[in-house]
PDB file of N, CA and C in Angstrom:
ATOM      1  N   MET A   1       1.270  -1.110  -0.045  1.00  0.00           N
ATOM      2  CA  MET A   1      -0.035   0.043  -0.222  1.00  0.00           C
ATOM      3  C   MET A   1       0.944   1.441   0.353  1.00  0.00           C
ATOM      4  N   ALA A   2       0.528   2.108  -0.779  1.00  0.00           N
ATOM      5  CA  ALA A   2       1.122   3.632  -0.653  1.00  0.00           C
ATOM      6  C   ALA A   2       1.090   4.063   0.266  1.00  0.00           C
ATOM      7  N   GLN A   3       2.560   5.254   0.578  1.00  0.00           N
ATOM      8  CA  GLN A   3       2.401   6.109   1.965  1.00  0.00           C
ATOM      9  C   GLN A   3       2.355   7.066   1.429  1.00  0.00           C
ATOM     10  N   MET A   4       1.090   8.293   1.961  1.00  0.00           N
ATOM     11  CA  MET A   4       2.130   9.507   1.823  1.00  0.00           C
ATOM     12  C   MET A   4       2.993  10.084   1.538  1.00  0.00           C
ATOM     13  N   HIS A   5       4.148  11.449   1.243  1.00  0.00           N
ATOM     14  CA  HIS A   5       5.008  11.419   1.337  1.00  0.00           C
ATOM     15  C   HIS A   5       6.274  10.774   1.315  1.00  0.00           C
ATOM     16  N   VAL A   6       6.258   9.195   1.481  1.00  0.00           N
ATOM     17  CA  VAL A   6       7.714   8.253   0.813  1.00  0.00           C
ATOM     18  C   VAL A   6       8.075   8.277  -0.729  1.00  0.00           C
ATOM     19  N   GLY A   7       9.423   8.368  -0.988  1.00  0.00           N
ATOM     20  CA  GLY A   7       9.551   8.611  -2.606  1.00  0.00           C
ATOM     21  C   GLY A   7       7.990   6.769  -3.247  1.00  0.00           C
ATOM     22  N   ILE A   8       8.658   6.646  -4.255  1.00  0.00           N
ATOM     23  CA  ILE A   8       7.492   6.208  -5.236  1.00  0.00           C
ATOM     24  C   ILE A   8       8.113   6.246  -7.044  1.00  0.00           C
ATOM     25  N   ASP A   9       8.489   5.291  -7.531  1.00  0.00           N
ATOM     26  CA  ASP A   9       9.127   5.767  -8.627  1.00  0.00           C
ATOM     27  C   ASP A   9       7.495   4.766  -9.629  1.00  0.00           C
ATOM     28  N   CYS A  10       7.966   5.144 -10.755  1.00  0.00           N
ATOM     29  CA  CYS A  10       6.839   5.457 -12.385  1.00  0.00           C
ATOM     30  C   CYS A  10       5.833   3.549 -12.363  1.00  0.00           C
ATOM     31  N   ILE A  11       6.308   2.965 -12.047  1.00  0.00           N
ATOM     32  CA  ILE A  11       6.117   1.468 -12.184  1.00  0.00           C
ATOM     33  C   ILE A  11       5.070   1.364 -11.156  1.00  0.00           C
ATOM     34  N   HIS A  12       5.425   1.663  -9.738  1.00  0.00           N
ATOM     35  CA  HIS A  12       4.519   1.227  -8.346  1.00  0.00           C
ATOM     36  C   HIS A  12       3.567   2.355  -8.681  1.00  0.00           C
ATOM     37  N   PHE A  13       4.158   3.303  -9.064  1.00  0.00           N
ATOM     38  CA  PHE A  13       2.984   4.650  -9.333  1.00  0.00           C
ATOM     39  C   PHE A  13       1.810   3.863  -9.946  1.00  0.00           C
ATOM     40  N   VAL A  14       1.711   3.777 -11.522  1.00  0.00           N
ATOM     41  CA  VAL A  14       0.774   2.733 -12.393  1.00  0.00           C
ATOM     42  C   VAL A  14       0.269   1.552 -11.873  1.00  0.00           C
ATOM     43  N   HIS A  15       0.869   0.652 -10.726  1.00  0.00           N
ATOM     44  CA  HIS A  15      -0.052  -0.211  -9.973  1.00  0.00           C
ATOM     45  C   HIS A  15      -0.808  -0.334  -9.040  1.00  0.00           C
ATOM     46  N   GLU A  16       0.118   1.216  -8.605  1.00  0.00           N
ATOM     47  CA  GLU A  16      -0.903   1.235  -7.575  1.00  0.00           C
ATOM     48  C   GLU A  16      -1.642   2.534  -7.263  1.00  0.00           C
ATOM     49  N   VAL A  17      -1.929   3.347  -8.436  1.00  0.00           N
ATOM     50  CA  VAL A  17      -2.989   3.748  -8.666  1.00  0.00           C
ATOM     51  C   VAL A  17      -4.286   3.108  -9.463  1.00  0.00           C
ATOM     52  N   LEU A  18      -4.194   2.009 -10.165  1.00  0.00           N
ATOM     53  CA  LEU A  18      -4.580   0.546 -11.029  1.00  0.00           C
ATOM     54  C   LEU A  18      -5.038  -0.358  -9.677  1.00  0.00           C
ATOM     55  N   ALA A  19      -4.221  -0.423  -8.401  1.00  0.00           N
ATOM     56  CA  ALA A  19      -4.980  -1.487  -7.535  1.00  0.00           C
ATOM     57  C   ALA A  19      -5.566  -0.796  -7.177  1.00  0.00           C
ATOM     58  N   GLY A  20      -5.742   0.666  -6.905  1.00  0.00           N
ATOM     59  CA  GLY A  20      -6.546   1.365  -5.568  1.00  0.00           C
ATOM     60  C   GLY A  20      -7.711   1.696  -5.959  1.00  0.00           C
ATOM     61  N   THR A  21      -8.242   1.267  -7.196  1.00  0.00           N
ATOM     62  CA  THR A  21      -9.177   1.947  -7.565  1.00  0.00           C
ATOM     63  C   THR A  21      -9.597   0.420  -7.823  1.00  0.00           C
ATOM     64  N   GLY A  22      -9.416  -0.251  -8.032  1.00  0.00           N
ATOM     65  CA  GLY A  22     -10.189  -1.907  -7.685  1.00  0.00           C
ATOM     66  C   GLY A  22      -9.755  -2.088  -9.339  1.00  0.00           C
ATOM     67  N   VAL A  23      -9.259  -1.974 -10.367  1.00  0.00           N
ATOM     68  CA  VAL A  23      -8.822  -2.393 -12.090  1.00  0.00           C
ATOM     69  C   VAL A  23      -8.081  -3.192 -11.442  1.00  0.00           C
ATOM     70  N   VAL A  24      -6.955  -3.631 -11.189  1.00  0.00           N
ATOM     71  CA  VAL A  24      -6.389  -4.959 -10.754  1.00  0.00           C
ATOM     72  C   VAL A  24      -6.324  -5.325 -10.162  1.00  0.00           C
ATOM     73  N   GLN A  25      -6.012  -6.674  -9.179  1.00  0.00           N
ATOM     74  CA  GLN A  25      -5.195  -7.174  -7.644  1.00  0.00           C
ATOM     75  C   GLN A  25      -3.634  -6.487  -7.541  1.00  0.00           C
ATOM     76  N   ARG A  26      -4.223  -5.677  -6.593  1.00  0.00           N
ATOM     77  CA  ARG A  26      -3.057  -5.871  -5.960  1.00  0.00           C
ATOM     78  C   ARG A  26      -2.200  -6.825  -6.251  1.00  0.00           C
ATOM     79  N   ILE A  27      -1.210  -6.548  -6.044  1.00  0.00           N
ATOM     80  CA  ILE A  27       0.070  -7.931  -6.238  1.00  0.00           C
ATOM     81  C   ILE A  27       1.647  -7.329  -5.443  1.00  0.00           C
ATOM     82  N   LYS A  28       2.504  -8.078  -4.695  1.00  0.00           N
ATOM     83  CA  LYS A  28       4.140  -7.059  -4.297  1.00  0.00           C
ATOM     84  C   LYS A  28       4.591  -7.300  -5.845  1.00  0.00           C
ATOM     85  N   VAL A  29       4.664  -6.283  -6.438  1.00  0.00           N
ATOM     86  CA  VAL A  29       5.762  -5.957  -7.902  1.00  0.00           C
ATOM     87  C   VAL A  29       7.102  -6.037  -7.356  1.00  0.00           C
ATOM     88  N   PRO A  30       7.314  -7.338  -8.416  1.00  0.00           N
ATOM     89  CA  PRO A  30       8.406  -8.081  -8.222  1.00  0.00           C
ATOM     90  C   PRO A  30       9.615  -6.777  -8.385  1.00  0.00           C
ATOM     91  N   LYS A  31      10.265  -7.433  -7.465  1.00  0.00           N
ATOM     92  CA  LYS A  31      11.467  -6.223  -7.092  1.00  0.00           C
ATOM     93  C   LYS A  31      12.357  -5.945  -8.085  1.00  0.00           C
ATOM     94  N   TYR A  32      13.100  -4.624  -8.592  1.00  0.00           N
ATOM     95  CA  TYR A  32      13.726  -4.174  -9.638  1.00  0.00           C
ATOM     96  C   TYR A  32      14.859  -3.279  -9.555  1.00  0.00           C
ATOM     97  N   ASP A  33      16.181  -2.814  -9.698  1.00  0.00           N
ATOM     98  CA  ASP A  33      16.909  -1.670  -9.332  1.00  0.00           C
ATOM     99  C   ASP A  33      15.810  -0.246 -10.421  1.00  0.00           C
ATOM    100  N   THR A  34      15.327   0.606  -9.746  1.00  0.00           N
ATOM    101  CA  THR A  34      14.850   1.320 -10.059  1.00  0.00           C
ATOM    102  C   THR A  34      15.581   2.203 -11.025  1.00  0.00           C
ATOM    103  N   GLY A  35      17.112   2.408 -11.311  1.00  0.00           N
ATOM    104  CA  GLY A  35      18.138   2.707 -12.135  1.00  0.00           C
ATOM    105  C   GLY A  35      17.823   1.772 -13.439  1.00  0.00           C
ATOM    106  N   ILE A  36      17.693   0.575 -13.654  1.00  0.00           N
ATOM    107  CA  ILE A  36      16.885  -0.133 -15.005  1.00  0.00           C
ATOM    108  C   ILE A  36      16.376   0.916 -15.565  1.00  0.00           C
ATOM    109  N   GLY A  37      15.037   1.744 -15.238  1.00  0.00           N
ATOM    110  CA  GLY A  37      14.523   3.079 -16.799  1.00  0.00           C
ATOM    111  C   GLY A  37      16.037   4.070 -16.360  1.00  0.00           C
ATOM    112  N   TYR A  38      16.628   3.666 -17.001  1.00  0.00           N
ATOM    113  CA  TYR A  38      17.784   4.805 -17.075  1.00  0.00           C
ATOM    114  C   TYR A  38      18.249   3.865 -18.191  1.00  0.00           C
ATOM    115  N   ILE A  39      17.584   2.589 -18.572  1.00  0.00           N
ATOM    116  CA  ILE A  39      18.529   1.470 -19.786  1.00  0.00           C
ATOM    117  C   ILE A  39      17.572   0.984 -19.818  1.00  0.00           C
ATOM    118  N   ILE A  40      16.158   1.445 -19.760  1.00  0.00           N
ATOM    119  CA  ILE A  40      15.592   0.023 -20.504  1.00  0.00           C
ATOM    120  C   ILE A  40      14.405   0.755 -21.949  1.00  0.00           C
ATOM    121  N   PRO A  41      14.968  -0.154 -22.671  1.00  0.00           N
ATOM    122  CA  PRO A  41      13.805   1.111 -23.905  1.00  0.00           C
ATOM    123  C   PRO A  41      12.304   1.260 -23.907  1.00  0.00           C
ATOM    124  N   SER A  42      12.195   2.384 -23.808  1.00  0.00           N
ATOM    125  CA  SER A  42      10.632   2.791 -23.700  1.00  0.00           C
ATOM    126  C   SER A  42       9.644   1.446 -24.879  1.00  0.00           C
ATOM    127  N   ASN A  43      10.126   1.094 -25.253  1.00  0.00           N
ATOM    128  CA  ASN A  43       9.486  -0.059 -26.730  1.00  0.00           C
ATOM    129  C   ASN A  43       9.489  -1.155 -25.344  1.00  0.00           C
ATOM    130  N   ARG A  44       9.878  -1.740 -24.701  1.00  0.00           N
ATOM    131  CA  ARG A  44      10.211  -2.868 -24.331  1.00  0.00           C
ATOM    132  C   ARG A  44       9.201  -2.608 -22.884  1.00  0.00           C
ATOM    133  N   LEU A  45       9.748  -1.229 -22.375  1.00  0.00           N
ATOM    134  CA  LEU A  45       8.221  -1.049 -21.006  1.00  0.00           C
ATOM    135  C   LEU A  45       7.173  -0.814 -21.537  1.00  0.00           C
ATOM    136  N   ALA A  46       6.992  -0.600 -22.867  1.00  0.00           N
ATOM    137  CA  ALA A  46       5.333  -0.167 -23.092  1.00  0.00           C
ATOM    138  C   ALA A  46       5.003  -1.960 -23.382  1.00  0.00           C
ATOM    139  N   GLU A  47       5.989  -3.058 -24.111  1.00  0.00           N
ATOM    140  CA  GLU A  47       5.117  -4.221 -24.892  1.00  0.00           C
ATOM    141  C   GLU A  47       5.102  -4.709 -23.319  1.00  0.00           C
ATOM    142  N   GLN A  48       5.815  -4.755 -22.105  1.00  0.00           N
ATOM    143  CA  GLN A  48       5.463  -5.328 -20.532  1.00  0.00           C
ATOM    144  C   GLN A  48       3.549  -5.380 -20.547  1.00  0.00           C
ATOM    145  N   LEU A  49       4.263  -3.414 -20.924  1.00  0.00           N
ATOM    146  CA  LEU A  49       2.687  -2.866 -19.945  1.00  0.00           C
ATOM    147  C   LEU A  49       1.534  -3.766 -20.976  1.00  0.00           C
ATOM    148  N   GLU A  50       1.671  -4.070 -21.738  1.00  0.00           N
ATOM    149  CA  GLU A  50       0.070  -4.809 -22.903  1.00  0.00           C
ATOM    150  C   GLU A  50       0.350  -5.583 -22.490  1.00  0.00           C
ATOM    151  N   ALA A  51       1.285  -6.650 -22.689  1.00  0.00           N
ATOM    152  CA  ALA A  51       1.447  -8.638 -21.778  1.00  0.00           C
ATOM    153  C   ALA A  51       0.489  -8.084 -21.016  1.00  0.00           C
ATOM    154  N   ALA A  52       0.752  -7.406 -20.023  1.00  0.00           N
ATOM    155  CA  ALA A  52      -0.338  -7.527 -18.469  1.00  0.00           C
ATOM    156  C   ALA A  52      -0.972  -7.463 -18.771  1.00  0.00           C
ATOM    157  N   LEU A  53      -1.332  -6.022 -19.201  1.00  0.00           N
ATOM    158  CA  LEU A  53      -2.844  -5.214 -18.954  1.00  0.00           C
ATOM    159  C   LEU A  53      -3.623  -5.850 -19.699  1.00  0.00           C
ATOM    160  N   PHE A  54      -5.340  -5.307 -19.785  1.00  0.00           N
ATOM    161  CA  PHE A  54      -5.654  -6.001 -20.985  1.00  0.00           C
ATOM    162  C   PHE A  54      -6.212  -4.468 -21.126  1.00  0.00           C
ATOM    163  N   CYS A  55      -5.042  -3.786 -22.798  1.00  0.00           N
ATOM    164  CA  CYS A  55      -5.307  -2.488 -22.842  1.00  0.00           C
ATOM    165  C   CYS A  55      -4.785  -2.579 -24.850  1.00  0.00           C
ATOM    166  N   GLU A  56      -5.448  -1.320 -25.234  1.00  0.00           N
ATOM    167  CA  GLU A  56      -5.038  -1.073 -26.849  1.00  0.00           C
ATOM    168  C   GLU A  56      -4.153   0.342 -26.674  1.00  0.00           C
ATOM    169  N   ARG A  57      -3.398   0.387 -27.810  1.00  0.00           N
ATOM    170  CA  ARG A  57      -3.157   1.525 -28.403  1.00  0.00           C
ATOM    171  C   ARG A  57      -3.593   2.499 -28.810  1.00  0.00           C
ATOM    172  N   VAL A  58      -3.306   4.432 -27.786  1.00  0.00           N
ATOM    173  CA  VAL A  58      -4.713   4.694 -28.700  1.00  0.00           C
ATOM    174  C   VAL A  58      -4.071   6.059 -29.761  1.00  0.00           C
ATOM    175  N   THR A  59      -4.751   5.638 -30.453  1.00  0.00           N
ATOM    176  CA  THR A  59      -4.688   6.385 -32.156  1.00  0.00           C
ATOM    177  C   THR A  59      -4.895   8.109 -32.036  1.00  0.00           C
ATOM    178  N   GLY A  60      -5.956   8.209 -31.016  1.00  0.00           N
ATOM    179  CA  GLY A  60      -6.727   8.882 -31.730  1.00  0.00           C
ATOM    180  C   GLY A  60      -6.220  10.339 -30.319  1.00  0.00           C
ATOM    181  N   GLU A  61      -7.404  10.913 -29.422  1.00  0.00           N
ATOM    182  CA  GLU A  61      -6.948  12.586 -28.437  1.00  0.00           C
ATOM    183  C   GLU A  61      -6.758  10.942 -27.418  1.00  0.00           C
ATOM    184  N   TYR A  62      -6.414  11.850 -26.489  1.00  0.00           N
ATOM    185  CA  TYR A  62      -6.047  11.217 -25.214  1.00  0.00           C
ATOM    186  C   TYR A  62      -6.689  10.674 -24.553  1.00  0.00           C
ATOM    187  N   SER A  63      -6.928  10.573 -23.513  1.00  0.00           N
ATOM    188  CA  SER A  63      -8.076  10.717 -22.607  1.00  0.00           C
ATOM    189  C   SER A  63      -7.734   9.920 -21.196  1.00  0.00           C
ATOM    190  N   PHE A  64      -8.401  10.739 -20.013  1.00  0.00           N
ATOM    191  CA  PHE A  64      -8.141  10.798 -18.865  1.00  0.00           C
ATOM    192  C   PHE A  64      -8.096   9.270 -18.569  1.00  0.00           C
ATOM    193  N   GLY A  65      -7.185   9.122 -18.094  1.00  0.00           N
ATOM    194  CA  GLY A  65      -6.496   7.609 -17.429  1.00  0.00           C
ATOM    195  C   GLY A  65      -5.895   6.769 -18.320  1.00  0.00           C
ATOM    196  N   ASP A  66      -5.564   6.941 -19.877  1.00  0.00           N
ATOM    197  CA  ASP A  66      -4.653   6.851 -20.339  1.00  0.00           C
ATOM    198  C   ASP A  66      -3.378   6.221 -19.581  1.00  0.00           C
ATOM    199  N   ILE A  67      -2.576   5.673 -19.837  1.00  0.00           N
ATOM    200  CA  ILE A  67      -1.088   5.677 -19.795  1.00  0.00           C
ATOM    201  C   ILE A  67       0.325   5.651 -20.524  1.00  0.00           C
ATOM    202  N   ALA A  68       0.596   7.020 -20.156  1.00  0.00           N
ATOM    203  CA  ALA A  68       1.710   6.919 -21.295  1.00  0.00           C
ATOM    204  C   ALA A  68       2.988   6.730 -21.062  1.00  0.00           C
ATOM    205  N   VAL A  69       3.983   6.051 -22.083  1.00  0.00           N
ATOM    206  CA  VAL A  69       4.816   5.295 -22.251  1.00  0.00           C
ATOM    207  C   VAL A  69       5.692   5.655 -22.276  1.00  0.00           C
ATOM    208  N   LEU A  70       6.832   6.758 -21.895  1.00  0.00           N
ATOM    209  CA  LEU A  70       7.697   8.287 -22.431  1.00  0.00           C
ATOM    210  C   LEU A  70       9.265   7.712 -22.383  1.00  0.00           C
ATOM    211  N   LYS A  71       9.638   8.307 -23.747  1.00  0.00           N
ATOM    212  CA  LYS A  71      11.279   8.783 -24.101  1.00  0.00           C
ATOM    213  C   LYS A  71      11.535   8.915 -23.565  1.00  0.00           C
ATOM    214  N   THR A  72      12.676   8.963 -22.162  1.00  0.00           N
ATOM    215  CA  THR A  72      13.424  10.256 -21.380  1.00  0.00           C
ATOM    216  C   THR A  72      14.735  10.020 -21.705  1.00  0.00           C
ATOM    217  N   GLY A  73      15.183   9.315 -22.618  1.00  0.00           N
ATOM    218  CA  GLY A  73      16.655   9.549 -23.332  1.00  0.00           C
ATOM    219  C   GLY A  73      16.660   9.083 -24.682  1.00  0.00           C
ATOM    220  N   GLN A  74      17.897   8.214 -24.867  1.00  0.00           N
ATOM    221  CA  GLN A  74      17.676   7.289 -25.626  1.00  0.00           C
ATOM    222  C   GLN A  74      17.507   5.686 -25.589  1.00  0.00           C
ATOM    223  N   THR A  75      17.878   5.882 -24.346  1.00  0.00           N
ATOM    224  CA  THR A  75      17.031   3.920 -24.139  1.00  0.00           C
ATOM    225  C   THR A  75      16.985   4.034 -22.557  1.00  0.00           C
ATOM    226  N   SER A  76      15.938   4.658 -22.670  1.00  0.00           N
ATOM    227  CA  SER A  76      15.550   5.263 -21.041  1.00  0.00           C
ATOM    228  C   SER A  76      14.215   4.885 -21.042  1.00  0.00           C
ATOM    229  N   ALA A  77      12.996   4.837 -20.139  1.00  0.00           N
ATOM    230  CA  ALA A  77      11.203   4.734 -20.295  1.00  0.00           C
ATOM    231  C   ALA A  77      10.947   5.836 -19.166  1.00  0.00           C
ATOM    232  N   HIS A  78       9.723   5.832 -19.012  1.00  0.00           N
ATOM    233  CA  HIS A  78       9.299   6.145 -18.421  1.00  0.00           C
ATOM    234  C   HIS A  78       7.616   6.227 -18.398  1.00  0.00           C
ATOM    235  N   CYS A  79       6.671   6.350 -17.253  1.00  0.00           N
ATOM    236  CA  CYS A  79       5.327   5.911 -17.758  1.00  0.00           C
ATOM    237  C   CYS A  79       4.562   6.633 -16.028  1.00  0.00           C
ATOM    238  N   GLY A  80       3.324   7.211 -16.593  1.00  0.00           N
ATOM    239  CA  GLY A  80       2.551   7.882 -15.603  1.00  0.00           C
ATOM    240  C   GLY A  80       1.106   8.050 -16.741  1.00  0.00           C
ATOM    241  N   PHE A  81      -0.162   8.639 -16.421  1.00  0.00           N
ATOM    242  CA  PHE A  81      -1.193   8.732 -16.602  1.00  0.00           C
ATOM    243  C   PHE A  81      -1.722  10.328 -17.348  1.00  0.00           C
ATOM    244  N   ILE A  82      -2.436   9.952 -17.950  1.00  0.00           N
ATOM    245  CA  ILE A  82      -2.729  10.900 -19.050  1.00  0.00           C
ATOM    246  C   ILE A  82      -3.971  11.857 -18.169  1.00  0.00           C
ATOM    247  N   ALA A  83      -4.247  12.883 -17.861  1.00  0.00           N
ATOM    248  CA  ALA A  83      -5.431  13.407 -17.767  1.00  0.00           C
ATOM    249  C   ALA A  83      -5.039  14.473 -17.797  1.00  0.00           C
ATOM    250  N   PRO A  84      -5.524  14.759 -18.784  1.00  0.00           N
ATOM    251  CA  PRO A  84      -5.852  15.673 -20.564  1.00  0.00           C
ATOM    252  C   PRO A  84      -6.211  17.013 -19.221  1.00  0.00           C
ATOM    253  N   PRO A  85      -5.517  18.163 -19.116  1.00  0.00           N
ATOM    254  CA  PRO A  85      -4.027  19.301 -20.016  1.00  0.00           C
ATOM    255  C   PRO A  85      -2.327  18.404 -18.911  1.00  0.00           C
ATOM    256  N   HIS A  86      -2.449  17.383 -18.295  1.00  0.00           N
ATOM    257  CA  HIS A  86      -2.017  17.203 -17.944  1.00  0.00           C
ATOM    258  C   HIS A  86      -1.353  15.299 -17.477  1.00  0.00           C
ATOM    259  N   LEU A  87      -0.405  15.356 -17.400  1.00  0.00           N
ATOM    260  CA  LEU A  87       0.537  14.298 -17.112  1.00  0.00           C
ATOM    261  C   LEU A  87       0.531  13.507 -15.372  1.00  0.00           C
ATOM    262  N   TRP A  88       0.827  12.555 -15.063  1.00  0.00           N
ATOM    263  CA  TRP A  88       0.534  12.374 -13.520  1.00  0.00           C
ATOM    264  C   TRP A  88       1.673  11.345 -13.377  1.00  0.00           C
ATOM    265  N   HIS A  89       2.655  11.816 -13.278  1.00  0.00           N
ATOM    266  CA  HIS A  89       4.104  10.918 -13.513  1.00  0.00           C
ATOM    267  C   HIS A  89       4.473  10.558 -11.512  1.00  0.00           C
ATOM    268  N   ALA A  90       6.036  10.073 -11.597  1.00  0.00           N
ATOM    269  CA  ALA A  90       6.713   9.927 -10.199  1.00  0.00           C
ATOM    270  C   ALA A  90       8.349   9.114 -10.623  1.00  0.00           C
ATOM    271  N   VAL A  91       8.364  10.048 -10.083  1.00  0.00           N
ATOM    272  CA  VAL A  91      10.181   9.772 -10.636  1.00  0.00           C
ATOM    273  C   VAL A  91      10.653   8.721  -9.249  1.00  0.00           C
ATOM    274  N   ALA A  92      11.349   8.020  -9.482  1.00  0.00           N
ATOM    275  CA  ALA A  92      11.803   7.379  -8.238  1.00  0.00           C
ATOM    276  C   ALA A  92      12.139   8.238  -7.192  1.00  0.00           C
ATOM    277  N   ARG A  93      11.868   7.526  -5.903  1.00  0.00           N
ATOM    278  CA  ARG A  93      11.970   8.507  -4.467  1.00  0.00           C
ATOM    279  C   ARG A  93      11.271  10.298  -4.774  1.00  0.00           C
ATOM    280  N   ARG A  94      10.979  10.296  -5.186  1.00  0.00           N
ATOM    281  CA  ARG A  94      10.079  11.228  -4.996  1.00  0.00           C
ATOM    282  C   ARG A  94       9.016  12.167  -5.180  1.00  0.00           C
ATOM    283  N   ASP A  95       8.276  12.619  -4.596  1.00  0.00           N
ATOM    284  CA  ASP A  95       6.439  12.443  -4.360  1.00  0.00           C
ATOM    285  C   ASP A  95       6.008  12.386  -5.994  1.00  0.00           C
ATOM    286  N   VAL A  96       4.333  11.991  -6.165  1.00  0.00           N
ATOM    287  CA  VAL A  96       4.107  12.682  -7.488  1.00  0.00           C
ATOM    288  C   VAL A  96       3.898  13.731  -8.501  1.00  0.00           C
ATOM    289  N   ILE A  97       4.299  13.870  -9.253  1.00  0.00           N
ATOM    290  CA  ILE A  97       4.258  14.908  -9.769  1.00  0.00           C
ATOM    291  C   ILE A  97       3.408  15.073 -10.655  1.00  0.00           C
ATOM    292  N   ARG A  98       2.499  16.413 -10.981  1.00  0.00           N
ATOM    293  CA  ARG A  98       1.772  17.005 -12.445  1.00  0.00           C
ATOM    294  C   ARG A  98       1.991  17.123 -12.749  1.00  0.00           C
ATOM    295  N   SER A  99       2.371  17.435 -14.512  1.00  0.00           N
ATOM    296  CA  SER A  99       3.391  18.528 -15.249  1.00  0.00           C
ATOM    297  C   SER A  99       2.543  18.887 -16.270  1.00  0.00           C
ATOM    298  N   PRO A 100       2.689  19.604 -17.306  1.00  0.00           N
ATOM    299  CA  PRO A 100       2.180  20.271 -18.758  1.00  0.00           C
ATOM    300  C   PRO A 100       1.909  19.019 -19.113  1.00  0.00           C
ATOM    301  N   LEU A 101       1.006  18.326 -20.010  1.00  0.00           N
ATOM    302  CA  LEU A 101       0.939  18.053 -20.434  1.00  0.00           C
ATOM    303  C   LEU A 101       2.007  17.920 -22.104  1.00  0.00           C
ATOM    304  N   VAL A 102       1.706  18.953 -21.993  1.00  0.00           N
ATOM    305  CA  VAL A 102       2.185  19.806 -23.381  1.00  0.00           C
ATOM    306  C   VAL A 102       4.042  19.326 -23.730  1.00  0.00           C
ATOM    307  N   LEU A 103       4.151  19.417 -22.239  1.00  0.00           N
ATOM    308  CA  LEU A 103       5.906  19.452 -21.879  1.00  0.00           C
ATOM    309  C   LEU A 103       6.502  17.751 -22.064  1.00  0.00           C
ATOM    310  N   TRP A 104       5.360  16.829 -22.254  1.00  0.00           N
ATOM    311  CA  TRP A 104       5.967  15.537 -22.277  1.00  0.00           C
ATOM    312  C   TRP A 104       5.853  14.947 -23.683  1.00  0.00           C
ATOM    313  N   GLN A 105       4.874  15.679 -24.198  1.00  0.00           N
ATOM    314  CA  GLN A 105       4.403  15.456 -25.889  1.00  0.00           C
ATOM    315  C   GLN A 105       5.690  14.629 -26.243  1.00  0.00           C
ATOM    316  N   HIS A 106       6.306  15.273 -26.783  1.00  0.00           N
ATOM    317  CA  HIS A 106       7.880  15.150 -28.127  1.00  0.00           C
ATOM    318  C   HIS A 106       8.415  13.561 -27.365  1.00  0.00           C
ATOM    319  N   ARG A 107       8.040  13.066 -26.080  1.00  0.00           N
ATOM    320  CA  ARG A 107       8.957  12.187 -25.268  1.00  0.00           C
ATOM    321  C   ARG A 107       7.518  10.951 -25.370  1.00  0.00           C
ATOM    322  N   PHE A 108       6.463  11.313 -26.060  1.00  0.00           N
ATOM    323  CA  PHE A 108       5.859   9.665 -26.331  1.00  0.00           C
ATOM    324  C   PHE A 108       6.466   9.115 -26.935  1.00  0.00           C
ATOM    325  N   ASP A 109       6.171   7.960 -25.982  1.00  0.00           N
ATOM    326  CA  ASP A 109       6.177   7.024 -27.647  1.00  0.00           C
ATOM    327  C   ASP A 109       5.543   5.900 -28.191  1.00  0.00           C
ATOM    328  N   ARG A 110       4.055   6.037 -26.188  1.00  0.00           N
ATOM    329  CA  ARG A 110       2.706   4.684 -26.631  1.00  0.00           C
ATOM    330  C   ARG A 110       1.318   5.676 -25.687  1.00  0.00           C
ATOM    331  N   ALA A 111       0.937   5.842 -25.887  1.00  0.00           N
ATOM    332  CA  ALA A 111      -0.388   5.761 -24.829  1.00  0.00           C
ATOM    333  C   ALA A 111      -1.290   4.412 -24.707  1.00  0.00           C
ATOM    334  N   LEU A 112      -1.682   3.901 -23.997  1.00  0.00           N
ATOM    335  CA  LEU A 112      -2.071   2.430 -23.286  1.00  0.00           C
ATOM    336  C   LEU A 112      -3.655   3.095 -22.665  1.00  0.00           C
ATOM    337  N   ARG A 113      -4.643   2.566 -22.651  1.00  0.00           N
ATOM    338  CA  ARG A 113      -5.981   2.694 -22.674  1.00  0.00           C
ATOM    339  C   ARG A 113      -6.898   1.096 -22.180  1.00  0.00           C
ATOM    340  N   LEU A 114      -6.898   1.007 -20.982  1.00  0.00           N
ATOM    341  CA  LEU A 114      -7.331  -0.225 -20.492  1.00  0.00           C
ATOM    342  C   LEU A 114      -8.627  -0.430 -21.392  1.00  0.00           C
ATOM    343  N   THR A 115      -9.100  -1.830 -21.706  1.00  0.00           N
ATOM    344  CA  THR A 115     -10.025  -2.066 -21.872  1.00  0.00           C
ATOM    345  C   THR A 115     -11.007  -2.922 -21.730  1.00  0.00           C
ATOM    346  N   ALA A 116      -9.944  -3.656 -20.339  1.00  0.00           N
ATOM    347  CA  ALA A 116     -11.193  -4.336 -19.074  1.00  0.00           C
ATOM    348  C   ALA A 116     -10.263  -4.041 -18.134  1.00  0.00           C
ATOM    349  N   GLU A 117     -10.661  -4.775 -17.132  1.00  0.00           N
ATOM    350  CA  GLU A 117     -10.410  -4.506 -15.508  1.00  0.00           C
ATOM    351  C   GLU A 117      -9.562  -5.624 -15.652  1.00  0.00           C
ATOM    352  N   GLY A 118      -8.408  -6.490 -14.531  1.00  0.00           N
ATOM    353  CA  GLY A 118      -7.692  -7.569 -13.836  1.00  0.00           C
ATOM    354  C   GLY A 118      -6.791  -7.642 -15.147  1.00  0.00           C
ATOM    355  N   TRP A 119      -5.717  -8.298 -14.557  1.00  0.00           N
ATOM    356  CA  TRP A 119      -4.812  -9.147 -15.395  1.00  0.00           C
ATOM    357  C   TRP A 119      -5.188  -9.541 -16.067  1.00  0.00           C
ATOM    358  N   ARG A 120      -3.840  -9.405 -18.010  1.00  0.00           N
ATOM    359  CA  ARG A 120      -4.137 -10.430 -18.800  1.00  0.00           C
ATOM    360  C   ARG A 120      -2.994 -11.047 -18.399  1.00  0.00           C
ATOM    361  N   ASN A 121      -1.521 -10.987 -18.137  1.00  0.00           N
ATOM    362  CA  ASN A 121      -0.916 -11.852 -17.962  1.00  0.00           C
ATOM    363  C   ASN A 121      -0.413 -11.359 -16.310  1.00  0.00           C
ATOM    364  N   LYS A 122      -0.650 -11.887 -15.034  1.00  0.00           N
ATOM    365  CA  LYS A 122       0.069 -10.909 -13.992  1.00  0.00           C
ATOM    366  C   LYS A 122       1.479 -11.449 -13.870  1.00  0.00           C
ATOM    367  N   PRO A 123       2.278  -9.782 -13.530  1.00  0.00           N
ATOM    368  CA  PRO A 123       3.944  -9.698 -13.490  1.00  0.00           C
ATOM    369  C   PRO A 123       4.129 -10.945 -12.658  1.00  0.00           C
ATOM    370  N   ALA A 124       5.178 -11.501 -13.252  1.00  0.00           N
ATOM    371  CA  ALA A 124       5.780 -12.698 -11.487  1.00  0.00           C
ATOM    372  C   ALA A 124       6.651 -12.252 -10.478  1.00  0.00           C
TER     373      ALA A 124
END
């Protein structure tokens, strides 16, 4: 369970929001080095989210609750929730941040929209 004013990273943030709203069953997110986000390509992160969740790629306008997968460097990835005109996201060991969506749009790899509740494939 997430705690107020305790650092969280982007993956744990997305999981906490989805679990806290009942979209997915809460699981223990597999341990990983938060620094891995600096070297994992955004397409790999997006593919992992697409494999785990019932979702589809957004081809039109973004809607509240769409999951943004972002390129934050040549080989780095980040994710958060779209709530036009904002992006809600978390940076490792910091609080959740609300940023203007327009500042991040040039970094979008893709946006994903949930199509059903639950896990397609529960992460191990």
